[in-house]
Amino acid sequence: MMKYILTFIIIFNSLLVASSSAKSEKEKKIRIEKQIKKEMETEKKYAKEQTFYSEENYDFKGAEVNQDSLDSVPKLEPQYDFDMDSVYD
């Protein structure tokens, strides 16, 4: 009698595990499909932004530096005697 109960429990558990793995495979496929759809939307958005941020769409002539005006800008020398000790006192 004990053999039959043990055999029944083993068979029942194996069927239970098999059905749960099939269910998890189905859930996994659904999650994968959702993730693929989400990534495709992100790629579409990136493709739009990529054309928006393309340098051909902008005119940088107004941002160019006039080389003649650089002579009036004072040259900054590094401060080699800079001391940070007073900050930590």
N, C-alpha and C. Protein backbone atom coordinates (compact mmCIF):
# COMPACT_ATOMS: atom_id res chain seq x y z
N MET A 1 0.82 -1.19 0.00
CA MET A 1 0.00 0.00 0.00
C MET A 1 0.87 1.26 0.00
N MET A 2 1.93 1.23 0.76
CA MET A 2 2.82 2.38 0.86
C MET A 2 3.51 2.64 -0.48
N LYS A 3 3.81 1.57 -1.23
CA LYS A 3 4.43 1.73 -2.54
C LYS A 3 3.50 2.49 -3.49
N TYR A 4 2.21 2.17 -3.44
CA TYR A 4 1.26 2.83 -4.32
C TYR A 4 1.11 4.32 -4.00
N ILE A 5 1.10 4.62 -2.72
CA ILE A 5 0.99 6.02 -2.31
C ILE A 5 2.24 6.79 -2.73
N LEU A 6 3.39 6.18 -2.51
CA LEU A 6 4.65 6.82 -2.90
C LEU A 6 4.72 7.00 -4.41
N THR A 7 4.31 6.00 -5.18
CA THR A 7 4.30 6.08 -6.64
C THR A 7 3.33 7.17 -7.09
N PHE A 8 2.17 7.24 -6.48
CA PHE A 8 1.19 8.27 -6.82
C PHE A 8 1.75 9.67 -6.54
N ILE A 9 2.39 9.83 -5.41
CA ILE A 9 2.97 11.14 -5.05
C ILE A 9 4.05 11.53 -6.05
N ILE A 10 4.90 10.60 -6.43
CA ILE A 10 5.97 10.89 -7.40
C ILE A 10 5.39 11.28 -8.75
N ILE A 11 4.41 10.52 -9.23
CA ILE A 11 3.78 10.82 -10.52
C ILE A 11 3.07 12.18 -10.47
N PHE A 12 2.34 12.43 -9.39
CA PHE A 12 1.62 13.69 -9.24
C PHE A 12 2.58 14.88 -9.22
N ASN A 13 3.67 14.75 -8.49
CA ASN A 13 4.65 15.83 -8.43
C ASN A 13 5.34 16.07 -9.77
N SER A 14 5.64 15.00 -10.50
CA SER A 14 6.27 15.17 -11.80
C SER A 14 5.33 15.86 -12.78
N LEU A 15 4.04 15.52 -12.74
CA LEU A 15 3.06 16.19 -13.59
C LEU A 15 2.91 17.66 -13.19
N LEU A 16 2.95 17.92 -11.91
CA LEU A 16 2.83 19.29 -11.41
C LEU A 16 4.02 20.13 -11.86
N VAL A 17 5.21 19.57 -11.78
CA VAL A 17 6.42 20.28 -12.22
C VAL A 17 6.39 20.51 -13.72
N ALA A 18 5.95 19.53 -14.49
CA ALA A 18 5.89 19.67 -15.94
C ALA A 18 4.89 20.75 -16.34
N SER A 19 3.76 20.80 -15.68
CA SER A 19 2.77 21.83 -16.04
C SER A 19 3.25 23.22 -15.64
N SER A 20 3.95 23.32 -14.52
CA SER A 20 4.44 24.64 -14.11
C SER A 20 5.56 25.12 -15.03
N SER A 21 6.38 24.20 -15.53
CA SER A 21 7.45 24.62 -16.45
C SER A 21 6.86 25.05 -17.79
N ALA A 22 5.79 24.38 -18.24
CA ALA A 22 5.13 24.80 -19.48
C ALA A 22 4.50 26.17 -19.30
N LYS A 23 3.93 26.41 -18.14
CA LYS A 23 3.33 27.71 -17.86
C LYS A 23 4.41 28.78 -17.80
N SER A 24 5.54 28.45 -17.19
CA SER A 24 6.62 29.44 -17.09
C SER A 24 7.22 29.72 -18.47
N GLU A 25 7.24 28.73 -19.36
CA GLU A 25 7.72 28.96 -20.72
C GLU A 25 6.79 29.93 -21.45
N LYS A 26 5.49 29.76 -21.25
CA LYS A 26 4.53 30.65 -21.89
C LYS A 26 4.68 32.07 -21.34
N GLU A 27 4.85 32.19 -20.03
CA GLU A 27 5.06 33.51 -19.42
C GLU A 27 6.37 34.13 -19.91
N LYS A 28 7.38 33.30 -20.07
CA LYS A 28 8.68 33.79 -20.55
C LYS A 28 8.55 34.34 -21.97
N LYS A 29 7.81 33.63 -22.83
CA LYS A 29 7.60 34.11 -24.19
C LYS A 29 6.85 35.43 -24.20
N ILE A 30 5.86 35.56 -23.33
CA ILE A 30 5.09 36.80 -23.25
C ILE A 30 5.99 37.94 -22.80
N ARG A 31 6.83 37.70 -21.79
CA ARG A 31 7.75 38.73 -21.32
C ARG A 31 8.74 39.12 -22.40
N ILE A 32 9.23 38.14 -23.15
CA ILE A 32 10.18 38.42 -24.24
C ILE A 32 9.51 39.28 -25.30
N GLU A 33 8.29 38.94 -25.67
CA GLU A 33 7.57 39.73 -26.68
C GLU A 33 7.35 41.16 -26.22
N LYS A 34 6.99 41.33 -24.94
CA LYS A 34 6.81 42.69 -24.41
C LYS A 34 8.11 43.47 -24.45
N GLN A 35 9.21 42.81 -24.07
CA GLN A 35 10.50 43.49 -24.06
C GLN A 35 10.95 43.86 -25.47
N ILE A 36 10.71 42.97 -26.43
CA ILE A 36 11.07 43.26 -27.82
C ILE A 36 10.27 44.44 -28.33
N LYS A 37 8.98 44.47 -28.01
CA LYS A 37 8.13 45.58 -28.44
C LYS A 37 8.61 46.89 -27.83
N LYS A 38 8.95 46.85 -26.56
CA LYS A 38 9.45 48.05 -25.87
C LYS A 38 10.76 48.53 -26.49
N GLU A 39 11.67 47.62 -26.78
CA GLU A 39 12.95 47.99 -27.38
C GLU A 39 12.78 48.54 -28.80
N MET A 40 11.81 47.99 -29.54
CA MET A 40 11.55 48.51 -30.89
C MET A 40 11.03 49.94 -30.83
N GLU A 41 10.18 50.24 -29.85
CA GLU A 41 9.70 51.61 -29.67
C GLU A 41 10.85 52.54 -29.32
N THR A 42 11.75 52.06 -28.47
CA THR A 42 12.92 52.86 -28.10
C THR A 42 13.80 53.13 -29.32
N GLU A 43 13.97 52.12 -30.16
CA GLU A 43 14.77 52.29 -31.37
C GLU A 43 14.12 53.28 -32.34
N LYS A 44 12.80 53.24 -32.45
CA LYS A 44 12.10 54.20 -33.31
C LYS A 44 12.32 55.62 -32.79
N LYS A 45 12.22 55.78 -31.49
CA LYS A 45 12.43 57.09 -30.88
C LYS A 45 13.87 57.55 -31.13
N TYR A 46 14.83 56.65 -30.97
CA TYR A 46 16.22 57.00 -31.20
C TYR A 46 16.46 57.37 -32.66
N ALA A 47 15.80 56.66 -33.57
CA ALA A 47 15.98 56.98 -35.00
C ALA A 47 15.47 58.38 -35.30
N LYS A 48 14.35 58.77 -34.69
CA LYS A 48 13.84 60.13 -34.87
C LYS A 48 14.82 61.15 -34.32
N GLU A 49 15.30 60.91 -33.11
CA GLU A 49 16.22 61.85 -32.47
C GLU A 49 17.55 61.92 -33.20
N GLN A 50 17.96 60.81 -33.78
CA GLN A 50 19.24 60.79 -34.49
C GLN A 50 19.19 61.74 -35.68
N THR A 51 18.08 61.76 -36.38
CA THR A 51 17.98 62.70 -37.50
C THR A 51 17.84 64.12 -36.98
N PHE A 52 17.22 64.29 -35.82
CA PHE A 52 17.07 65.62 -35.25
C PHE A 52 18.41 66.18 -34.81
N TYR A 53 19.26 65.35 -34.25
CA TYR A 53 20.55 65.81 -33.76
C TYR A 53 21.65 65.75 -34.80
N SER A 54 21.31 65.51 -36.03
CA SER A 54 22.31 65.45 -37.08
C SER A 54 22.88 66.83 -37.33
N GLU A 55 24.18 66.92 -37.53
CA GLU A 55 24.84 68.23 -37.68
C GLU A 55 24.48 68.94 -38.98
N GLU A 56 23.97 68.22 -39.96
CA GLU A 56 23.60 68.86 -41.21
C GLU A 56 22.40 69.79 -41.04
N ASN A 57 21.62 69.60 -39.98
CA ASN A 57 20.42 70.41 -39.77
C ASN A 57 20.71 71.74 -39.09
N TYR A 58 21.93 71.98 -38.68
CA TYR A 58 22.25 73.19 -37.93
C TYR A 58 23.24 74.06 -38.70
N ASP A 59 23.15 75.36 -38.45
CA ASP A 59 24.07 76.33 -39.03
C ASP A 59 24.98 76.83 -37.92
N PHE A 60 26.24 76.42 -37.96
CA PHE A 60 27.19 76.78 -36.92
C PHE A 60 28.03 78.01 -37.27
N LYS A 61 27.71 78.67 -38.34
CA LYS A 61 28.50 79.84 -38.75
C LYS A 61 28.45 80.94 -37.70
N GLY A 62 27.32 81.11 -37.02
CA GLY A 62 27.19 82.14 -36.01
C GLY A 62 27.96 81.84 -34.74
N ALA A 63 28.35 80.59 -34.55
CA ALA A 63 29.07 80.20 -33.34
C ALA A 63 30.58 80.16 -33.56
N GLU A 64 31.03 80.48 -34.75
CA GLU A 64 32.47 80.46 -35.01
C GLU A 64 33.14 81.63 -34.30
N VAL A 65 34.37 81.42 -33.87
CA VAL A 65 35.13 82.44 -33.14
C VAL A 65 35.91 83.29 -34.14
N ASN A 66 35.81 84.58 -33.96
CA ASN A 66 36.59 85.51 -34.78
C ASN A 66 38.02 85.52 -34.24
N GLN A 67 38.95 85.10 -35.04
CA GLN A 67 40.34 84.98 -34.59
C GLN A 67 40.95 86.34 -34.25
N ASP A 68 40.50 87.40 -34.89
CA ASP A 68 41.04 88.74 -34.61
C ASP A 68 40.63 89.23 -33.22
N SER A 69 39.49 88.78 -32.71
CA SER A 69 39.04 89.24 -31.40
C SER A 69 39.75 88.52 -30.26
N LEU A 70 40.49 87.47 -30.55
CA LEU A 70 41.18 86.73 -29.49
C LEU A 70 42.35 87.52 -28.90
N ASP A 71 42.87 88.50 -29.63
CA ASP A 71 43.99 89.29 -29.12
C ASP A 71 43.57 90.13 -27.91
N SER A 72 42.30 90.51 -27.82
CA SER A 72 41.84 91.35 -26.71
C SER A 72 41.53 90.54 -25.45
N VAL A 73 41.51 89.22 -25.54
CA VAL A 73 41.23 88.38 -24.38
C VAL A 73 42.53 88.20 -23.59
N PRO A 74 42.52 88.52 -22.29
CA PRO A 74 43.76 88.38 -21.51
C PRO A 74 44.12 86.92 -21.31
N LYS A 75 45.40 86.64 -21.31
CA LYS A 75 45.89 85.28 -21.11
C LYS A 75 45.90 84.98 -19.62
N LEU A 76 45.35 83.86 -19.23
CA LEU A 76 45.31 83.46 -17.83
C LEU A 76 46.52 82.60 -17.52
N GLU A 77 47.26 83.01 -16.53
CA GLU A 77 48.43 82.25 -16.10
C GLU A 77 48.03 81.34 -14.94
N PRO A 78 48.61 80.17 -14.87
CA PRO A 78 48.30 79.27 -13.76
C PRO A 78 48.85 79.81 -12.44
N GLN A 79 48.12 79.54 -11.36
CA GLN A 79 48.55 79.99 -10.04
C GLN A 79 49.32 78.86 -9.37
N TYR A 80 50.63 78.90 -9.53
CA TYR A 80 51.45 77.84 -8.97
C TYR A 80 51.61 77.96 -7.46
N ASP A 81 51.39 79.15 -6.91
CA ASP A 81 51.55 79.34 -5.47
C ASP A 81 50.22 79.19 -4.72
N PHE A 82 49.25 78.59 -5.33
CA PHE A 82 47.95 78.41 -4.70
C PHE A 82 48.08 77.43 -3.55
N ASP A 83 47.53 77.80 -2.39
CA ASP A 83 47.68 76.98 -1.18
C ASP A 83 46.29 76.64 -0.63
N MET A 84 46.02 75.38 -0.47
CA MET A 84 44.73 74.92 0.06
C MET A 84 44.77 74.63 1.55
N ASP A 85 45.89 74.86 2.21
CA ASP A 85 46.01 74.53 3.63
C ASP A 85 45.04 75.32 4.49
N SER A 86 44.76 76.55 4.13
CA SER A 86 43.86 77.37 4.94
C SER A 86 42.42 76.84 4.90
N VAL A 87 42.09 76.08 3.89
CA VAL A 87 40.73 75.54 3.79
C VAL A 87 40.50 74.48 4.85
N TYR A 88 41.51 73.71 5.18
CA TYR A 88 41.36 72.60 6.10
C TYR A 88 41.60 72.98 7.56
N ASP A 89 41.91 74.25 7.85
CA ASP A 89 42.14 74.68 9.24
C ASP A 89 40.85 74.89 9.97
